[in-house]
């Protein structure tokens, strides 16, 4: 679960940087890159081993929290 949290945090920061970069950014660009990252997370949730279930769910939750808070904070 700890590794999933770190992976989700890093993924959230990367997506935020790509979607918004410097300043407020473009909400449409952020939505587009979020769709790509959510596709990757859903693929991991469906096709990885059940041993990674908790880590995958934690990564997705942390990812959404990081991007959501970053969008609300700017």
PDB file of N, CA and C in Angstrom:
ATOM      1  N   UNK A   1       0.813  -1.193   0.000  1.00  0.00           N
ATOM      2  CA  UNK A   1       0.000   0.000   0.000  1.00  0.00           C
ATOM      3  C   UNK A   1       0.853   1.251   0.000  1.00  0.00           C
ATOM      4  N   UNK A   2       1.984   1.201   0.684  1.00  0.00           N
ATOM      5  CA  UNK A   2       2.864   2.375   0.735  1.00  0.00           C
ATOM      6  C   UNK A   2       3.448   2.672  -0.649  1.00  0.00           C
ATOM      7  N   UNK A   3       3.831   1.630  -1.356  1.00  0.00           N
ATOM      8  CA  UNK A   3       4.361   1.828  -2.707  1.00  0.00           C
ATOM      9  C   UNK A   3       3.264   2.361  -3.627  1.00  0.00           C
ATOM     10  N   UNK A   4       2.047   1.883  -3.477  1.00  0.00           N
ATOM     11  CA  UNK A   4       0.927   2.396  -4.264  1.00  0.00           C
ATOM     12  C   UNK A   4       0.666   3.865  -3.989  1.00  0.00           C
ATOM     13  N   UNK A   5       0.817   4.276  -2.730  1.00  0.00           N
ATOM     14  CA  UNK A   5       0.635   5.676  -2.384  1.00  0.00           C
ATOM     15  C   UNK A   5       1.705   6.544  -3.038  1.00  0.00           C
ATOM     16  N   UNK A   6       2.941   6.085  -3.011  1.00  0.00           N
ATOM     17  CA  UNK A   6       4.037   6.848  -3.625  1.00  0.00           C
ATOM     18  C   UNK A   6       3.843   6.918  -5.146  1.00  0.00           C
ATOM     19  N   UNK A   7       3.490   5.799  -5.755  1.00  0.00           N
ATOM     20  CA  UNK A   7       3.269   5.774  -7.204  1.00  0.00           C
ATOM     21  C   UNK A   7       2.114   6.699  -7.589  1.00  0.00           C
ATOM     22  N   UNK A   8       1.039   6.669  -6.830  1.00  0.00           N
ATOM     23  CA  UNK A   8      -0.098   7.554  -7.105  1.00  0.00           C
ATOM     24  C   UNK A   8       0.262   9.020  -6.933  1.00  0.00           C
ATOM     25  N   UNK A   9       1.059   9.327  -5.917  1.00  0.00           N
ATOM     26  CA  UNK A   9       1.496  10.708  -5.717  1.00  0.00           C
ATOM     27  C   UNK A   9       2.376  11.202  -6.844  1.00  0.00           C
ATOM     28  N   UNK A  10       3.308  10.376  -7.258  1.00  0.00           N
ATOM     29  CA  UNK A  10       4.195  10.762  -8.365  1.00  0.00           C
ATOM     30  C   UNK A  10       3.392  10.895  -9.662  1.00  0.00           C
ATOM     31  N   UNK A  11       2.487   9.964  -9.926  1.00  0.00           N
ATOM     32  CA  UNK A  11       1.654  10.041 -11.120  1.00  0.00           C
ATOM     33  C   UNK A  11       0.788  11.296 -11.095  1.00  0.00           C
ATOM     34  N   UNK A  12       0.239  11.621  -9.932  1.00  0.00           N
ATOM     35  CA  UNK A  12      -0.559  12.839  -9.803  1.00  0.00           C
ATOM     36  C   UNK A  12       0.252  14.086 -10.076  1.00  0.00           C
ATOM     37  N   UNK A  13       1.473  14.133  -9.571  1.00  0.00           N
ATOM     38  CA  UNK A  13       2.329  15.294  -9.813  1.00  0.00           C
ATOM     39  C   UNK A  13       2.726  15.407 -11.280  1.00  0.00           C
ATOM     40  N   UNK A  14       3.020  14.280 -11.904  1.00  0.00           N
ATOM     41  CA  UNK A  14       3.385  14.301 -13.326  1.00  0.00           C
ATOM     42  C   UNK A  14       2.200  14.766 -14.176  1.00  0.00           C
ATOM     43  N   UNK A  15       1.025  14.251 -13.884  1.00  0.00           N
ATOM     44  CA  UNK A  15      -0.168  14.648 -14.634  1.00  0.00           C
ATOM     45  C   UNK A  15      -0.464  16.123 -14.412  1.00  0.00           C
ATOM     46  N   UNK A  16      -0.325  16.594 -13.193  1.00  0.00           N
ATOM     47  CA  UNK A  16      -0.570  18.009 -12.919  1.00  0.00           C
ATOM     48  C   UNK A  16       0.424  18.880 -13.674  1.00  0.00           C
ATOM     49  N   UNK A  17       1.684  18.471 -13.713  1.00  0.00           N
ATOM     50  CA  UNK A  17       2.687  19.262 -14.417  1.00  0.00           C
ATOM     51  C   UNK A  17       2.439  19.272 -15.922  1.00  0.00           C
ATOM     52  N   UNK A  18       2.057  18.130 -16.481  1.00  0.00           N
ATOM     53  CA  UNK A  18       1.776  18.072 -17.911  1.00  0.00           C
ATOM     54  C   UNK A  18       0.522  18.880 -18.243  1.00  0.00           C
ATOM     55  N   UNK A  19      -0.515  18.747 -17.446  1.00  0.00           N
ATOM     56  CA  UNK A  19      -1.781  19.419 -17.735  1.00  0.00           C
ATOM     57  C   UNK A  19      -1.782  20.893 -17.440  1.00  0.00           C
ATOM     58  N   UNK A  20      -1.050  21.309 -16.414  1.00  0.00           N
ATOM     59  CA  UNK A  20      -1.100  22.710 -16.016  1.00  0.00           C
ATOM     60  C   UNK A  20       0.239  23.401 -16.128  1.00  0.00           C
ATOM     61  N   UNK A  21       1.315  22.688 -15.899  1.00  0.00           N
ATOM     62  CA  UNK A  21       2.645  23.271 -16.039  1.00  0.00           C
ATOM     63  C   UNK A  21       2.848  24.475 -15.155  1.00  0.00           C
ATOM     64  N   UNK A  22       3.031  25.613 -15.770  1.00  0.00           N
ATOM     65  CA  UNK A  22       3.267  26.849 -15.033  1.00  0.00           C
ATOM     66  C   UNK A  22       1.969  27.647 -14.989  1.00  0.00           C
ATOM     67  N   UNK A  23       1.577  28.064 -13.807  1.00  0.00           N
ATOM     68  CA  UNK A  23       0.369  28.864 -13.688  1.00  0.00           C
ATOM     69  C   UNK A  23      -0.878  28.014 -13.572  1.00  0.00           C
ATOM     70  N   UNK A  24      -1.985  28.596 -13.965  1.00  0.00           N
ATOM     71  CA  UNK A  24      -3.269  27.910 -13.819  1.00  0.00           C
ATOM     72  C   UNK A  24      -3.475  26.815 -14.848  1.00  0.00           C
ATOM     73  N   UNK A  25      -2.893  26.980 -16.019  1.00  0.00           N
ATOM     74  CA  UNK A  25      -2.995  25.928 -17.028  1.00  0.00           C
ATOM     75  C   UNK A  25      -4.340  25.904 -17.722  1.00  0.00           C
ATOM     76  N   UNK A  26      -4.556  24.859 -18.460  1.00  0.00           N
ATOM     77  CA  UNK A  26      -5.761  24.688 -19.255  1.00  0.00           C
ATOM     78  C   UNK A  26      -6.550  23.509 -18.693  1.00  0.00           C
ATOM     79  N   UNK A  27      -7.789  23.721 -18.242  1.00  0.00           N
ATOM     80  CA  UNK A  27      -8.549  22.592 -17.691  1.00  0.00           C
ATOM     81  C   UNK A  27      -8.815  21.489 -18.708  1.00  0.00           C
ATOM     82  N   UNK A  28      -8.897  21.835 -19.990  1.00  0.00           N
ATOM     83  CA  UNK A  28      -9.123  20.812 -21.017  1.00  0.00           C
ATOM     84  C   UNK A  28      -7.876  19.947 -21.200  1.00  0.00           C
ATOM     85  N   UNK A  29      -6.708  20.573 -21.138  1.00  0.00           N
ATOM     86  CA  UNK A  29      -5.472  19.809 -21.212  1.00  0.00           C
ATOM     87  C   UNK A  29      -5.314  18.887 -20.012  1.00  0.00           C
ATOM     88  N   UNK A  30      -5.698  19.372 -18.834  1.00  0.00           N
ATOM     89  CA  UNK A  30      -5.636  18.553 -17.627  1.00  0.00           C
ATOM     90  C   UNK A  30      -6.603  17.377 -17.730  1.00  0.00           C
ATOM     91  N   UNK A  31      -7.791  17.619 -18.259  1.00  0.00           N
ATOM     92  CA  UNK A  31      -8.766  16.531 -18.424  1.00  0.00           C
ATOM     93  C   UNK A  31      -8.266  15.497 -19.430  1.00  0.00           C
ATOM     94  N   UNK A  32      -7.600  15.949 -20.487  1.00  0.00           N
ATOM     95  CA  UNK A  32      -7.098  15.019 -21.501  1.00  0.00           C
ATOM     96  C   UNK A  32      -6.007  14.122 -20.936  1.00  0.00           C
ATOM     97  N   UNK A  33      -5.068  14.691 -20.205  1.00  0.00           N
ATOM     98  CA  UNK A  33      -3.988  13.874 -19.644  1.00  0.00           C
ATOM     99  C   UNK A  33      -4.502  12.992 -18.504  1.00  0.00           C
ATOM    100  N   UNK A  34      -5.542  13.448 -17.789  1.00  0.00           N
ATOM    101  CA  UNK A  34      -6.130  12.610 -16.746  1.00  0.00           C
ATOM    102  C   UNK A  34      -6.786  11.371 -17.348  1.00  0.00           C
ATOM    103  N   UNK A  35      -7.379  11.516 -18.528  1.00  0.00           N
ATOM    104  CA  UNK A  35      -7.997  10.360 -19.192  1.00  0.00           C
ATOM    105  C   UNK A  35      -6.944   9.309 -19.529  1.00  0.00           C
ATOM    106  N   UNK A  36      -5.781   9.756 -19.956  1.00  0.00           N
ATOM    107  CA  UNK A  36      -4.699   8.815 -20.273  1.00  0.00           C
ATOM    108  C   UNK A  36      -4.234   8.091 -19.005  1.00  0.00           C
ATOM    109  N   UNK A  37      -4.028   8.852 -17.922  1.00  0.00           N
ATOM    110  CA  UNK A  37      -3.555   8.250 -16.675  1.00  0.00           C
ATOM    111  C   UNK A  37      -4.609   7.333 -16.067  1.00  0.00           C
ATOM    112  N   UNK A  38      -5.882   7.715 -16.149  1.00  0.00           N
ATOM    113  CA  UNK A  38      -6.933   6.847 -15.619  1.00  0.00           C
ATOM    114  C   UNK A  38      -7.037   5.548 -16.407  1.00  0.00           C
ATOM    115  N   UNK A  39      -6.770   5.606 -17.704  1.00  0.00           N
ATOM    116  CA  UNK A  39      -6.753   4.387 -18.508  1.00  0.00           C
ATOM    117  C   UNK A  39      -5.649   3.446 -18.042  1.00  0.00           C
ATOM    118  N   UNK A  40      -4.497   4.006 -17.741  1.00  0.00           N
ATOM    119  CA  UNK A  40      -3.380   3.190 -17.234  1.00  0.00           C
ATOM    120  C   UNK A  40      -3.737   2.580 -15.881  1.00  0.00           C
ATOM    121  N   UNK A  41      -4.332   3.376 -14.999  1.00  0.00           N
ATOM    122  CA  UNK A  41      -4.705   2.854 -13.678  1.00  0.00           C
ATOM    123  C   UNK A  41      -5.797   1.782 -13.782  1.00  0.00           C
ATOM    124  N   UNK A  42      -6.763   1.974 -14.674  1.00  0.00           N
ATOM    125  CA  UNK A  42      -7.803   0.961 -14.839  1.00  0.00           C
ATOM    126  C   UNK A  42      -7.235  -0.327 -15.432  1.00  0.00           C
ATOM    127  N   UNK A  43      -6.289  -0.204 -16.363  1.00  0.00           N
ATOM    128  CA  UNK A  43      -5.636  -1.392 -16.914  1.00  0.00           C
ATOM    129  C   UNK A  43      -4.925  -2.151 -15.792  1.00  0.00           C
ATOM    130  N   UNK A  44      -4.208  -1.407 -14.943  1.00  0.00           N
ATOM    131  CA  UNK A  44      -3.494  -2.043 -13.836  1.00  0.00           C
ATOM    132  C   UNK A  44      -4.470  -2.711 -12.872  1.00  0.00           C
ATOM    133  N   UNK A  45      -5.598  -2.086 -12.629  1.00  0.00           N
ATOM    134  CA  UNK A  45      -6.586  -2.641 -11.701  1.00  0.00           C
ATOM    135  C   UNK A  45      -7.193  -3.936 -12.249  1.00  0.00           C
ATOM    136  N   UNK A  46      -7.417  -3.994 -13.541  1.00  0.00           N
ATOM    137  CA  UNK A  46      -8.085  -5.154 -14.127  1.00  0.00           C
ATOM    138  C   UNK A  46      -7.121  -6.305 -14.393  1.00  0.00           C
ATOM    139  N   UNK A  47      -5.900  -6.015 -14.890  1.00  0.00           N
ATOM    140  CA  UNK A  47      -5.041  -7.073 -15.400  1.00  0.00           C
ATOM    141  C   UNK A  47      -3.868  -7.456 -14.508  1.00  0.00           C
ATOM    142  N   UNK A  48      -3.604  -6.748 -13.423  1.00  0.00           N
ATOM    143  CA  UNK A  48      -2.499  -7.163 -12.563  1.00  0.00           C
ATOM    144  C   UNK A  48      -2.961  -8.254 -11.600  1.00  0.00           C
ATOM    145  N   UNK A  49      -2.003  -8.799 -10.918  1.00  0.00           N
ATOM    146  CA  UNK A  49      -2.272  -9.872  -9.960  1.00  0.00           C
ATOM    147  C   UNK A  49      -3.122  -9.354  -8.797  1.00  0.00           C
ATOM    148  N   UNK A  50      -3.967 -10.215  -8.233  1.00  0.00           N
ATOM    149  CA  UNK A  50      -4.753  -9.790  -7.076  1.00  0.00           C
ATOM    150  C   UNK A  50      -3.898  -9.366  -5.879  1.00  0.00           C
ATOM    151  N   UNK A  51      -2.642  -9.755  -5.856  1.00  0.00           N
ATOM    152  CA  UNK A  51      -1.749  -9.338  -4.775  1.00  0.00           C
ATOM    153  C   UNK A  51      -1.499  -7.832  -4.804  1.00  0.00           C
ATOM    154  N   UNK A  52      -1.651  -7.225  -5.981  1.00  0.00           N
ATOM    155  CA  UNK A  52      -1.423  -5.792  -6.130  1.00  0.00           C
ATOM    156  C   UNK A  52      -2.711  -4.977  -6.053  1.00  0.00           C
ATOM    157  N   UNK A  53      -3.806  -5.597  -5.642  1.00  0.00           N
ATOM    158  CA  UNK A  53      -5.097  -4.917  -5.625  1.00  0.00           C
ATOM    159  C   UNK A  53      -5.085  -3.692  -4.714  1.00  0.00           C
ATOM    160  N   UNK A  54      -4.621  -3.841  -3.478  1.00  0.00           N
ATOM    161  CA  UNK A  54      -4.610  -2.721  -2.542  1.00  0.00           C
ATOM    162  C   UNK A  54      -3.693  -1.602  -3.018  1.00  0.00           C
ATOM    163  N   UNK A  55      -2.541  -1.965  -3.552  1.00  0.00           N
ATOM    164  CA  UNK A  55      -1.598  -0.949  -4.032  1.00  0.00           C
ATOM    165  C   UNK A  55      -2.176  -0.189  -5.216  1.00  0.00           C
ATOM    166  N   UNK A  56      -2.868  -0.879  -6.106  1.00  0.00           N
ATOM    167  CA  UNK A  56      -3.458  -0.222  -7.262  1.00  0.00           C
ATOM    168  C   UNK A  56      -4.573   0.736  -6.849  1.00  0.00           C
ATOM    169  N   UNK A  57      -5.392   0.321  -5.912  1.00  0.00           N
ATOM    170  CA  UNK A  57      -6.472   1.179  -5.426  1.00  0.00           C
ATOM    171  C   UNK A  57      -5.902   2.392  -4.698  1.00  0.00           C
ATOM    172  N   UNK A  58      -4.877   2.208  -3.898  1.00  0.00           N
ATOM    173  CA  UNK A  58      -4.242   3.331  -3.209  1.00  0.00           C
ATOM    174  C   UNK A  58      -3.590   4.295  -4.189  1.00  0.00           C
ATOM    175  N   UNK A  59      -2.991   3.766  -5.254  1.00  0.00           N
ATOM    176  CA  UNK A  59      -2.384   4.629  -6.270  1.00  0.00           C
ATOM    177  C   UNK A  59      -3.452   5.483  -6.944  1.00  0.00           C
ATOM    178  N   UNK A  60      -4.568   4.882  -7.293  1.00  0.00           N
ATOM    179  CA  UNK A  60      -5.652   5.634  -7.931  1.00  0.00           C
ATOM    180  C   UNK A  60      -6.243   6.695  -7.021  1.00  0.00           C
ATOM    181  N   UNK A  61      -6.459   6.345  -5.761  1.00  0.00           N
ATOM    182  CA  UNK A  61      -7.023   7.315  -4.821  1.00  0.00           C
ATOM    183  C   UNK A  61      -6.068   8.473  -4.571  1.00  0.00           C
ATOM    184  N   UNK A  62      -4.805   8.172  -4.393  1.00  0.00           N
ATOM    185  CA  UNK A  62      -3.817   9.233  -4.159  1.00  0.00           C
ATOM    186  C   UNK A  62      -3.672  10.109  -5.390  1.00  0.00           C
ATOM    187  N   UNK A  63      -3.694   9.502  -6.556  1.00  0.00           N
ATOM    188  CA  UNK A  63      -3.601  10.244  -7.814  1.00  0.00           C
ATOM    189  C   UNK A  63      -4.738  11.268  -7.918  1.00  0.00           C
ATOM    190  N   UNK A  64      -5.957  10.834  -7.671  1.00  0.00           N
ATOM    191  CA  UNK A  64      -7.106  11.732  -7.756  1.00  0.00           C
ATOM    192  C   UNK A  64      -7.027  12.828  -6.702  1.00  0.00           C
ATOM    193  N   UNK A  65      -6.598  12.486  -5.497  1.00  0.00           N
ATOM    194  CA  UNK A  65      -6.481  13.496  -4.441  1.00  0.00           C
ATOM    195  C   UNK A  65      -5.437  14.556  -4.774  1.00  0.00           C
ATOM    196  N   UNK A  66      -4.297  14.145  -5.312  1.00  0.00           N
ATOM    197  CA  UNK A  66      -3.235  15.105  -5.654  1.00  0.00           C
ATOM    198  C   UNK A  66      -3.690  16.044  -6.761  1.00  0.00           C
ATOM    199  N   UNK A  67      -4.253  15.491  -7.822  1.00  0.00           N
ATOM    200  CA  UNK A  67      -4.683  16.331  -8.943  1.00  0.00           C
ATOM    201  C   UNK A  67      -5.857  17.212  -8.531  1.00  0.00           C
ATOM    202  N   UNK A  68      -6.788  16.676  -7.798  1.00  0.00           N
ATOM    203  CA  UNK A  68      -7.936  17.469  -7.360  1.00  0.00           C
ATOM    204  C   UNK A  68      -7.566  18.614  -6.444  1.00  0.00           C
ATOM    205  N   UNK A  69      -6.699  18.337  -5.481  1.00  0.00           N
ATOM    206  CA  UNK A  69      -6.272  19.405  -4.573  1.00  0.00           C
ATOM    207  C   UNK A  69      -5.435  20.458  -5.309  1.00  0.00           C
ATOM    208  N   UNK A  70      -4.594  20.020  -6.214  1.00  0.00           N
ATOM    209  CA  UNK A  70      -3.774  20.963  -6.970  1.00  0.00           C
ATOM    210  C   UNK A  70      -4.639  21.851  -7.853  1.00  0.00           C
ATOM    211  N   UNK A  71      -5.689  21.282  -8.458  1.00  0.00           N
ATOM    212  CA  UNK A  71      -6.577  22.074  -9.305  1.00  0.00           C
ATOM    213  C   UNK A  71      -7.365  23.076  -8.458  1.00  0.00           C
ATOM    214  N   UNK A  72      -7.822  22.636  -7.309  1.00  0.00           N
ATOM    215  CA  UNK A  72      -8.620  23.515  -6.434  1.00  0.00           C
ATOM    216  C   UNK A  72      -7.763  24.606  -5.815  1.00  0.00           C
ATOM    217  N   UNK A  73      -6.500  24.313  -5.558  1.00  0.00           N
ATOM    218  CA  UNK A  73      -5.625  25.252  -4.878  1.00  0.00           C
ATOM    219  C   UNK A  73      -5.168  26.402  -5.785  1.00  0.00           C
ATOM    220  N   UNK A  74      -5.191  26.197  -7.098  1.00  0.00           N
ATOM    221  CA  UNK A  74      -4.709  27.265  -7.995  1.00  0.00           C
ATOM    222  C   UNK A  74      -5.784  28.181  -8.437  1.00  0.00           C
TER     223      UNK A  74
END
